[in-house]
Amino acid sequence: MLKNILLDAEQTIYQARETHTMFVDALKDASELNVVLEAITDVDSSFLQNLLWLKTEGGRLNIQINLLNPPPSLQDVVTQLGLTDALKFGGAL
């Protein structure tokens, strides 16, 4: 089953637990998961950890994870930290 998650506003340590729980729940009964990132306004390393976990767990469970429409600020952080291969972004749904 294809599932979609739309993330918005801040994705920092203050939302990390909620975001992780959302990811765990979304993986249940999913064959593919689209995570739409375009509305995110602020991120920190906890969000990147959540994304890395999601990609790893999706791979372990054989679930396709699509990280879509990242804002330029998120793309910049991922590039600066050398995570572009681990967190490959895609376009629109």
PDB file of N, CA and C in Angstrom:
ATOM      1  N   MET A   1       0.838  -1.170   0.000  1.00  0.00           N
ATOM      2  CA  MET A   1       0.000   0.000   0.000  1.00  0.00           C
ATOM      3  C   MET A   1       0.892   1.245   0.000  1.00  0.00           C
ATOM      4  N   LEU A   2       0.561   2.214  -0.847  1.00  0.00           N
ATOM      5  CA  LEU A   2       1.267   3.483  -0.911  1.00  0.00           C
ATOM      6  C   LEU A   2       0.725   4.406   0.175  1.00  0.00           C
ATOM      7  N   LYS A   3       1.642   5.002   0.945  1.00  0.00           N
ATOM      8  CA  LYS A   3       1.252   5.963   1.978  1.00  0.00           C
ATOM      9  C   LYS A   3       1.998   7.265   1.741  1.00  0.00           C
ATOM     10  N   ASN A   4       1.375   8.364   2.165  1.00  0.00           N
ATOM     11  CA  ASN A   4       1.965   9.688   2.028  1.00  0.00           C
ATOM     12  C   ASN A   4       2.008  10.377   3.384  1.00  0.00           C
ATOM     13  N   ILE A   5       3.110  11.069   3.642  1.00  0.00           N
ATOM     14  CA  ILE A   5       3.256  11.900   4.836  1.00  0.00           C
ATOM     15  C   ILE A   5       3.644  13.295   4.361  1.00  0.00           C
ATOM     16  N   LEU A   6       2.938  14.301   4.850  1.00  0.00           N
ATOM     17  CA  LEU A   6       3.284  15.683   4.567  1.00  0.00           C
ATOM     18  C   LEU A   6       3.822  16.295   5.853  1.00  0.00           C
ATOM     19  N   LEU A   7       5.096  16.659   5.839  1.00  0.00           N
ATOM     20  CA  LEU A   7       5.713  17.291   6.998  1.00  0.00           C
ATOM     21  C   LEU A   7       5.693  18.794   6.797  1.00  0.00           C
ATOM     22  N   ASP A   8       5.469  19.526   7.888  1.00  0.00           N
ATOM     23  CA  ASP A   8       5.445  20.974   7.769  1.00  0.00           C
ATOM     24  C   ASP A   8       6.143  21.623   8.960  1.00  0.00           C
ATOM     25  N   ALA A   9       6.349  22.917   8.836  1.00  0.00           N
ATOM     26  CA  ALA A   9       6.926  23.759   9.880  1.00  0.00           C
ATOM     27  C   ALA A   9       8.310  23.263  10.292  1.00  0.00           C
ATOM     28  N   GLU A  10       8.578  23.345  11.570  1.00  0.00           N
ATOM     29  CA  GLU A  10       9.885  22.945  12.085  1.00  0.00           C
ATOM     30  C   GLU A  10       9.982  21.434  12.226  1.00  0.00           C
ATOM     31  N   GLN A  11      11.167  20.932  11.964  1.00  0.00           N
ATOM     32  CA  GLN A  11      11.494  19.534  12.231  1.00  0.00           C
ATOM     33  C   GLN A  11      12.811  19.552  13.002  1.00  0.00           C
ATOM     34  N   THR A  12      12.686  19.789  14.299  1.00  0.00           N
ATOM     35  CA  THR A  12      13.844  19.892  15.180  1.00  0.00           C
ATOM     36  C   THR A  12      13.694  18.907  16.326  1.00  0.00           C
ATOM     37  N   ILE A  13      14.584  18.999  17.283  1.00  0.00           N
ATOM     38  CA  ILE A  13      14.551  18.092  18.434  1.00  0.00           C
ATOM     39  C   ILE A  13      13.196  18.116  19.140  1.00  0.00           C
ATOM     40  N   TYR A  14      12.505  19.243  19.053  1.00  0.00           N
ATOM     41  CA  TYR A  14      11.217  19.381  19.729  1.00  0.00           C
ATOM     42  C   TYR A  14      10.113  18.556  19.066  1.00  0.00           C
ATOM     43  N   GLN A  15      10.263  18.233  17.807  1.00  0.00           N
ATOM     44  CA  GLN A  15       9.292  17.404  17.090  1.00  0.00           C
ATOM     45  C   GLN A  15       9.830  15.996  16.812  1.00  0.00           C
ATOM     46  N   ALA A  16      11.041  15.710  17.221  1.00  0.00           N
ATOM     47  CA  ALA A  16      11.712  14.459  16.832  1.00  0.00           C
ATOM     48  C   ALA A  16      10.936  13.219  17.257  1.00  0.00           C
ATOM     49  N   ARG A  17      10.467  13.175  18.474  1.00  0.00           N
ATOM     50  CA  ARG A  17       9.734  11.984  18.946  1.00  0.00           C
ATOM     51  C   ARG A  17       8.438  11.795  18.156  1.00  0.00           C
ATOM     52  N   GLU A  18       7.713  12.873  17.966  1.00  0.00           N
ATOM     53  CA  GLU A  18       6.458  12.800  17.218  1.00  0.00           C
ATOM     54  C   GLU A  18       6.698  12.373  15.768  1.00  0.00           C
ATOM     55  N   THR A  19       7.723  12.931  15.164  1.00  0.00           N
ATOM     56  CA  THR A  19       8.054  12.582  13.784  1.00  0.00           C
ATOM     57  C   THR A  19       8.466  11.113  13.686  1.00  0.00           C
ATOM     58  N   HIS A  20       9.296  10.656  14.618  1.00  0.00           N
ATOM     59  CA  HIS A  20       9.722   9.258  14.600  1.00  0.00           C
ATOM     60  C   HIS A  20       8.508   8.332  14.743  1.00  0.00           C
ATOM     61  N   THR A  21       7.620   8.650  15.661  1.00  0.00           N
ATOM     62  CA  THR A  21       6.415   7.840  15.853  1.00  0.00           C
ATOM     63  C   THR A  21       5.568   7.821  14.582  1.00  0.00           C
ATOM     64  N   MET A  22       5.463   8.965  13.911  1.00  0.00           N
ATOM     65  CA  MET A  22       4.723   9.046  12.652  1.00  0.00           C
ATOM     66  C   MET A  22       5.362   8.136  11.606  1.00  0.00           C
ATOM     67  N   PHE A  23       6.695   8.125  11.538  1.00  0.00           N
ATOM     68  CA  PHE A  23       7.390   7.260  10.594  1.00  0.00           C
ATOM     69  C   PHE A  23       7.158   5.785  10.917  1.00  0.00           C
ATOM     70  N   VAL A  24       7.257   5.420  12.184  1.00  0.00           N
ATOM     71  CA  VAL A  24       7.032   4.026  12.591  1.00  0.00           C
ATOM     72  C   VAL A  24       5.634   3.584  12.179  1.00  0.00           C
ATOM     73  N   ASP A  25       4.636   4.407  12.478  1.00  0.00           N
ATOM     74  CA  ASP A  25       3.250   4.069  12.135  1.00  0.00           C
ATOM     75  C   ASP A  25       3.053   3.970  10.625  1.00  0.00           C
ATOM     76  N   ALA A  26       3.686   4.857   9.875  1.00  0.00           N
ATOM     77  CA  ALA A  26       3.520   4.869   8.424  1.00  0.00           C
ATOM     78  C   ALA A  26       4.109   3.622   7.768  1.00  0.00           C
ATOM     79  N   LEU A  27       5.139   3.052   8.370  1.00  0.00           N
ATOM     80  CA  LEU A  27       5.761   1.859   7.793  1.00  0.00           C
ATOM     81  C   LEU A  27       4.895   0.612   7.931  1.00  0.00           C
ATOM     82  N   LYS A  28       3.956   0.644   8.848  1.00  0.00           N
ATOM     83  CA  LYS A  28       3.069  -0.511   9.037  1.00  0.00           C
ATOM     84  C   LYS A  28       2.194  -0.681   7.803  1.00  0.00           C
ATOM     85  N   ASP A  29       2.221  -1.848   7.215  1.00  0.00           N
ATOM     86  CA  ASP A  29       1.402  -2.193   6.049  1.00  0.00           C
ATOM     87  C   ASP A  29       1.706  -1.355   4.812  1.00  0.00           C
ATOM     88  N   ALA A  30       2.871  -0.740   4.745  1.00  0.00           N
ATOM     89  CA  ALA A  30       3.228   0.057   3.567  1.00  0.00           C
ATOM     90  C   ALA A  30       4.127  -0.750   2.644  1.00  0.00           C
ATOM     91  N   SER A  31       3.977  -0.518   1.364  1.00  0.00           N
ATOM     92  CA  SER A  31       4.929  -1.055   0.388  1.00  0.00           C
ATOM     93  C   SER A  31       5.765   0.077  -0.192  1.00  0.00           C
ATOM     94  N   GLU A  32       5.230   1.292  -0.078  1.00  0.00           N
ATOM     95  CA  GLU A  32       5.930   2.487  -0.536  1.00  0.00           C
ATOM     96  C   GLU A  32       5.462   3.663   0.319  1.00  0.00           C
ATOM     97  N   LEU A  33       6.413   4.550   0.643  1.00  0.00           N
ATOM     98  CA  LEU A  33       6.099   5.700   1.493  1.00  0.00           C
ATOM     99  C   LEU A  33       6.672   6.961   0.858  1.00  0.00           C
ATOM    100  N   ASN A  34       5.795   7.932   0.596  1.00  0.00           N
ATOM    101  CA  ASN A  34       6.203   9.241   0.115  1.00  0.00           C
ATOM    102  C   ASN A  34       6.231  10.208   1.295  1.00  0.00           C
ATOM    103  N   VAL A  35       7.364  10.861   1.501  1.00  0.00           N
ATOM    104  CA  VAL A  35       7.501  11.866   2.550  1.00  0.00           C
ATOM    105  C   VAL A  35       7.699  13.206   1.850  1.00  0.00           C
ATOM    106  N   VAL A  36       6.688  14.065   1.929  1.00  0.00           N
ATOM    107  CA  VAL A  36       6.714  15.358   1.256  1.00  0.00           C
ATOM    108  C   VAL A  36       7.303  16.387   2.217  1.00  0.00           C
ATOM    109  N   LEU A  37       8.398  17.014   1.788  1.00  0.00           N
ATOM    110  CA  LEU A  37       9.207  17.862   2.664  1.00  0.00           C
ATOM    111  C   LEU A  37       9.093  19.351   2.369  1.00  0.00           C
ATOM    112  N   GLU A  38       8.369  19.745   1.347  1.00  0.00           N
ATOM    113  CA  GLU A  38       8.403  21.117   0.842  1.00  0.00           C
ATOM    114  C   GLU A  38       7.969  22.184   1.839  1.00  0.00           C
ATOM    115  N   ALA A  39       7.163  21.864   2.829  1.00  0.00           N
ATOM    116  CA  ALA A  39       6.651  22.868   3.768  1.00  0.00           C
ATOM    117  C   ALA A  39       7.516  23.017   5.020  1.00  0.00           C
ATOM    118  N   ILE A  40       8.617  22.286   5.094  1.00  0.00           N
ATOM    119  CA  ILE A  40       9.492  22.375   6.265  1.00  0.00           C
ATOM    120  C   ILE A  40      10.220  23.717   6.258  1.00  0.00           C
ATOM    121  N   THR A  41      10.225  24.364   7.433  1.00  0.00           N
ATOM    122  CA  THR A  41      10.859  25.679   7.545  1.00  0.00           C
ATOM    123  C   THR A  41      12.185  25.652   8.284  1.00  0.00           C
ATOM    124  N   ASP A  42      12.408  24.653   9.127  1.00  0.00           N
ATOM    125  CA  ASP A  42      13.635  24.591   9.923  1.00  0.00           C
ATOM    126  C   ASP A  42      13.929  23.135  10.260  1.00  0.00           C
ATOM    127  N   VAL A  43      15.209  22.753  10.218  1.00  0.00           N
ATOM    128  CA  VAL A  43      15.621  21.393  10.574  1.00  0.00           C
ATOM    129  C   VAL A  43      16.861  21.460  11.448  1.00  0.00           C
ATOM    130  N   ASP A  44      17.082  20.380  12.176  1.00  0.00           N
ATOM    131  CA  ASP A  44      18.343  20.191  12.878  1.00  0.00           C
ATOM    132  C   ASP A  44      18.768  18.739  12.696  1.00  0.00           C
ATOM    133  N   SER A  45      19.847  18.362  13.352  1.00  0.00           N
ATOM    134  CA  SER A  45      20.402  17.022  13.140  1.00  0.00           C
ATOM    135  C   SER A  45      19.458  15.909  13.586  1.00  0.00           C
ATOM    136  N   SER A  46      18.558  16.181  14.521  1.00  0.00           N
ATOM    137  CA  SER A  46      17.620  15.134  14.941  1.00  0.00           C
ATOM    138  C   SER A  46      16.697  14.734  13.786  1.00  0.00           C
ATOM    139  N   PHE A  47      16.323  15.690  12.951  1.00  0.00           N
ATOM    140  CA  PHE A  47      15.486  15.360  11.801  1.00  0.00           C
ATOM    141  C   PHE A  47      16.266  14.531  10.794  1.00  0.00           C
ATOM    142  N   LEU A  48      17.516  14.885  10.583  1.00  0.00           N
ATOM    143  CA  LEU A  48      18.343  14.091   9.677  1.00  0.00           C
ATOM    144  C   LEU A  48      18.502  12.670  10.203  1.00  0.00           C
ATOM    145  N   GLN A  49      18.634  12.511  11.501  1.00  0.00           N
ATOM    146  CA  GLN A  49      18.707  11.174  12.102  1.00  0.00           C
ATOM    147  C   GLN A  49      17.418  10.410  11.838  1.00  0.00           C
ATOM    148  N   ASN A  50      16.279  11.084  11.975  1.00  0.00           N
ATOM    149  CA  ASN A  50      15.002  10.425  11.685  1.00  0.00           C
ATOM    150  C   ASN A  50      14.919   9.996  10.224  1.00  0.00           C
ATOM    151  N   LEU A  51      15.351  10.855   9.315  1.00  0.00           N
ATOM    152  CA  LEU A  51      15.321  10.486   7.899  1.00  0.00           C
ATOM    153  C   LEU A  51      16.256   9.315   7.601  1.00  0.00           C
ATOM    154  N   LEU A  52      17.445   9.343   8.185  1.00  0.00           N
ATOM    155  CA  LEU A  52      18.386   8.228   7.989  1.00  0.00           C
ATOM    156  C   LEU A  52      17.809   6.934   8.542  1.00  0.00           C
ATOM    157  N   TRP A  53      17.181   6.999   9.710  1.00  0.00           N
ATOM    158  CA  TRP A  53      16.544   5.807  10.282  1.00  0.00           C
ATOM    159  C   TRP A  53      15.453   5.299   9.338  1.00  0.00           C
ATOM    160  N   LEU A  54      14.620   6.232   8.843  1.00  0.00           N
ATOM    161  CA  LEU A  54      13.518   5.846   7.958  1.00  0.00           C
ATOM    162  C   LEU A  54      14.041   5.152   6.707  1.00  0.00           C
ATOM    163  N   LYS A  55      15.065   5.701   6.081  1.00  0.00           N
ATOM    164  CA  LYS A  55      15.631   5.075   4.888  1.00  0.00           C
ATOM    165  C   LYS A  55      16.200   3.691   5.205  1.00  0.00           C
ATOM    166  N   THR A  56      16.898   3.566   6.326  1.00  0.00           N
ATOM    167  CA  THR A  56      17.478   2.281   6.722  1.00  0.00           C
ATOM    168  C   THR A  56      16.392   1.259   7.033  1.00  0.00           C
ATOM    169  N   GLU A  57      15.411   1.672   7.806  1.00  0.00           N
ATOM    170  CA  GLU A  57      14.322   0.759   8.186  1.00  0.00           C
ATOM    171  C   GLU A  57      13.487   0.381   6.960  1.00  0.00           C
ATOM    172  N   GLY A  58      13.250   1.343   6.094  1.00  0.00           N
ATOM    173  CA  GLY A  58      12.531   1.030   4.857  1.00  0.00           C
ATOM    174  C   GLY A  58      13.273   0.001   4.034  1.00  0.00           C
ATOM    175  N   GLY A  59      14.582   0.146   3.934  1.00  0.00           N
ATOM    176  CA  GLY A  59      15.383  -0.839   3.212  1.00  0.00           C
ATOM    177  C   GLY A  59      15.321  -2.211   3.854  1.00  0.00           C
ATOM    178  N   ARG A  60      15.387  -2.231   5.175  1.00  0.00           N
ATOM    179  CA  ARG A  60      15.320  -3.503   5.899  1.00  0.00           C
ATOM    180  C   ARG A  60      13.989  -4.209   5.676  1.00  0.00           C
ATOM    181  N   LEU A  61      12.905  -3.415   5.604  1.00  0.00           N
ATOM    182  CA  LEU A  61      11.558  -3.972   5.432  1.00  0.00           C
ATOM    183  C   LEU A  61      11.142  -4.074   3.962  1.00  0.00           C
ATOM    184  N   ASN A  62      12.058  -3.717   3.055  1.00  0.00           N
ATOM    185  CA  ASN A  62      11.784  -3.733   1.625  1.00  0.00           C
ATOM    186  C   ASN A  62      10.629  -2.790   1.252  1.00  0.00           C
ATOM    187  N   ILE A  63      10.645  -1.600   1.854  1.00  0.00           N
ATOM    188  CA  ILE A  63       9.652  -0.562   1.578  1.00  0.00           C
ATOM    189  C   ILE A  63      10.371   0.583   0.864  1.00  0.00           C
ATOM    190  N   GLN A  64       9.850   0.989  -0.272  1.00  0.00           N
ATOM    191  CA  GLN A  64      10.410   2.105  -1.022  1.00  0.00           C
ATOM    192  C   GLN A  64      10.105   3.405  -0.281  1.00  0.00           C
ATOM    193  N   ILE A  65      11.147   4.161   0.061  1.00  0.00           N
ATOM    194  CA  ILE A  65      10.996   5.453   0.732  1.00  0.00           C
ATOM    195  C   ILE A  65      11.367   6.551  -0.258  1.00  0.00           C
ATOM    196  N   ASN A  66      10.431   7.470  -0.500  1.00  0.00           N
ATOM    197  CA  ASN A  66      10.655   8.586  -1.415  1.00  0.00           C
ATOM    198  C   ASN A  66      10.619   9.889  -0.628  1.00  0.00           C
ATOM    199  N   LEU A  67      11.728  10.606  -0.604  1.00  0.00           N
ATOM    200  CA  LEU A  67      11.811  11.905   0.058  1.00  0.00           C
ATOM    201  C   LEU A  67      11.616  12.963  -1.023  1.00  0.00           C
ATOM    202  N   LEU A  68      10.482  13.660  -0.973  1.00  0.00           N
ATOM    203  CA  LEU A  68      10.066  14.507  -2.088  1.00  0.00           C
ATOM    204  C   LEU A  68      10.083  15.994  -1.752  1.00  0.00           C
ATOM    205  N   ASN A  69      10.477  16.791  -2.733  1.00  0.00           N
ATOM    206  CA  ASN A  69      10.392  18.253  -2.708  1.00  0.00           C
ATOM    207  C   ASN A  69      11.026  18.897  -1.480  1.00  0.00           C
ATOM    208  N   PRO A  70      12.285  18.620  -1.203  1.00  0.00           N
ATOM    209  CA  PRO A  70      12.918  19.253  -0.047  1.00  0.00           C
ATOM    210  C   PRO A  70      13.132  20.746  -0.293  1.00  0.00           C
ATOM    211  N   PRO A  71      12.978  21.563   0.739  1.00  0.00           N
ATOM    212  CA  PRO A  71      13.302  22.979   0.578  1.00  0.00           C
ATOM    213  C   PRO A  71      14.809  23.138   0.391  1.00  0.00           C
ATOM    214  N   PRO A  72      15.239  24.238  -0.241  1.00  0.00           N
ATOM    215  CA  PRO A  72      16.673  24.450  -0.463  1.00  0.00           C
ATOM    216  C   PRO A  72      17.497  24.393   0.821  1.00  0.00           C
ATOM    217  N   SER A  73      16.951  24.867   1.922  1.00  0.00           N
ATOM    218  CA  SER A  73      17.710  24.840   3.182  1.00  0.00           C
ATOM    219  C   SER A  73      18.024  23.408   3.622  1.00  0.00           C
ATOM    220  N   LEU A  74      17.094  22.491   3.433  1.00  0.00           N
ATOM    221  CA  LEU A  74      17.333  21.087   3.783  1.00  0.00           C
ATOM    222  C   LEU A  74      18.341  20.473   2.817  1.00  0.00           C
ATOM    223  N   GLN A  75      18.218  20.776   1.555  1.00  0.00           N
ATOM    224  CA  GLN A  75      19.181  20.272   0.576  1.00  0.00           C
ATOM    225  C   GLN A  75      20.596  20.747   0.911  1.00  0.00           C
ATOM    226  N   ASP A  76      20.710  21.996   1.325  1.00  0.00           N
ATOM    227  CA  ASP A  76      22.021  22.553   1.672  1.00  0.00           C
ATOM    228  C   ASP A  76      22.647  21.831   2.862  1.00  0.00           C
ATOM    229  N   VAL A  77      21.858  21.594   3.901  1.00  0.00           N
ATOM    230  CA  VAL A  77      22.372  20.915   5.100  1.00  0.00           C
ATOM    231  C   VAL A  77      22.816  19.494   4.750  1.00  0.00           C
ATOM    232  N   VAL A  78      22.011  18.792   3.977  1.00  0.00           N
ATOM    233  CA  VAL A  78      22.340  17.418   3.584  1.00  0.00           C
ATOM    234  C   VAL A  78      23.630  17.396   2.764  1.00  0.00           C
ATOM    235  N   THR A  79      23.782  18.351   1.875  1.00  0.00           N
ATOM    236  CA  THR A  79      25.000  18.438   1.066  1.00  0.00           C
ATOM    237  C   THR A  79      26.210  18.755   1.935  1.00  0.00           C
ATOM    238  N   GLN A  80      26.078  19.731   2.825  1.00  0.00           N
ATOM    239  CA  GLN A  80      27.186  20.130   3.687  1.00  0.00           C
ATOM    240  C   GLN A  80      27.658  18.991   4.581  1.00  0.00           C
ATOM    241  N   LEU A  81      26.734  18.134   4.999  1.00  0.00           N
ATOM    242  CA  LEU A  81      27.090  17.018   5.873  1.00  0.00           C
ATOM    243  C   LEU A  81      27.488  15.763   5.100  1.00  0.00           C
ATOM    244  N   GLY A  82      27.486  15.838   3.773  1.00  0.00           N
ATOM    245  CA  GLY A  82      27.900  14.697   2.963  1.00  0.00           C
ATOM    246  C   GLY A  82      26.908  13.548   2.971  1.00  0.00           C
ATOM    247  N   LEU A  83      25.632  13.859   3.103  1.00  0.00           N
ATOM    248  CA  LEU A  83      24.601  12.827   3.188  1.00  0.00           C
ATOM    249  C   LEU A  83      23.767  12.695   1.910  1.00  0.00           C
ATOM    250  N   THR A  84      24.250  13.257   0.812  1.00  0.00           N
ATOM    251  CA  THR A  84      23.450  13.234  -0.413  1.00  0.00           C
ATOM    252  C   THR A  84      23.214  11.823  -0.950  1.00  0.00           C
ATOM    253  N   ASP A  85      24.167  10.935  -0.766  1.00  0.00           N
ATOM    254  CA  ASP A  85      23.958   9.557  -1.230  1.00  0.00           C
ATOM    255  C   ASP A  85      22.973   8.807  -0.336  1.00  0.00           C
ATOM    256  N   ALA A  86      23.009   9.084   0.951  1.00  0.00           N
ATOM    257  CA  ALA A  86      22.128   8.392   1.898  1.00  0.00           C
ATOM    258  C   ALA A  86      20.702   8.921   1.845  1.00  0.00           C
ATOM    259  N   LEU A  87      20.562  10.216   1.568  1.00  0.00           N
ATOM    260  CA  LEU A  87      19.250  10.855   1.561  1.00  0.00           C
ATOM    261  C   LEU A  87      18.989  11.445   0.172  1.00  0.00           C
ATOM    262  N   LYS A  88      18.680  10.606  -0.757  1.00  0.00           N
ATOM    263  CA  LYS A  88      18.413  11.063  -2.114  1.00  0.00           C
ATOM    264  C   LYS A  88      16.995  11.630  -2.180  1.00  0.00           C
ATOM    265  N   PHE A  89      16.898  12.844  -2.726  1.00  0.00           N
ATOM    266  CA  PHE A  89      15.603  13.516  -2.829  1.00  0.00           C
ATOM    267  C   PHE A  89      15.027  13.366  -4.224  1.00  0.00           C
ATOM    268  N   GLY A  90      13.695  13.410  -4.283  1.00  0.00           N
ATOM    269  CA  GLY A  90      12.993  13.347  -5.553  1.00  0.00           C
ATOM    270  C   GLY A  90      12.080  14.539  -5.724  1.00  0.00           C
ATOM    271  N   GLY A  91      11.373  14.547  -6.835  1.00  0.00           N
ATOM    272  CA  GLY A  91      10.465  15.632  -7.161  1.00  0.00           C
ATOM    273  C   GLY A  91       9.063  15.389  -6.640  1.00  0.00           C
ATOM    274  N   ALA A  92       8.102  15.977  -7.310  1.00  0.00           N
ATOM    275  CA  ALA A  92       6.697  15.953  -6.884  1.00  0.00           C
ATOM    276  C   ALA A  92       6.096  14.546  -6.919  1.00  0.00           C
ATOM    277  N   LEU A  93       4.976  14.408  -6.221  1.00  0.00           N
ATOM    278  CA  LEU A  93       4.224  13.147  -6.223  1.00  0.00           C
ATOM    279  C   LEU A  93       3.797  12.787  -7.619  1.00  0.00           C
TER     280      LEU A  93
END
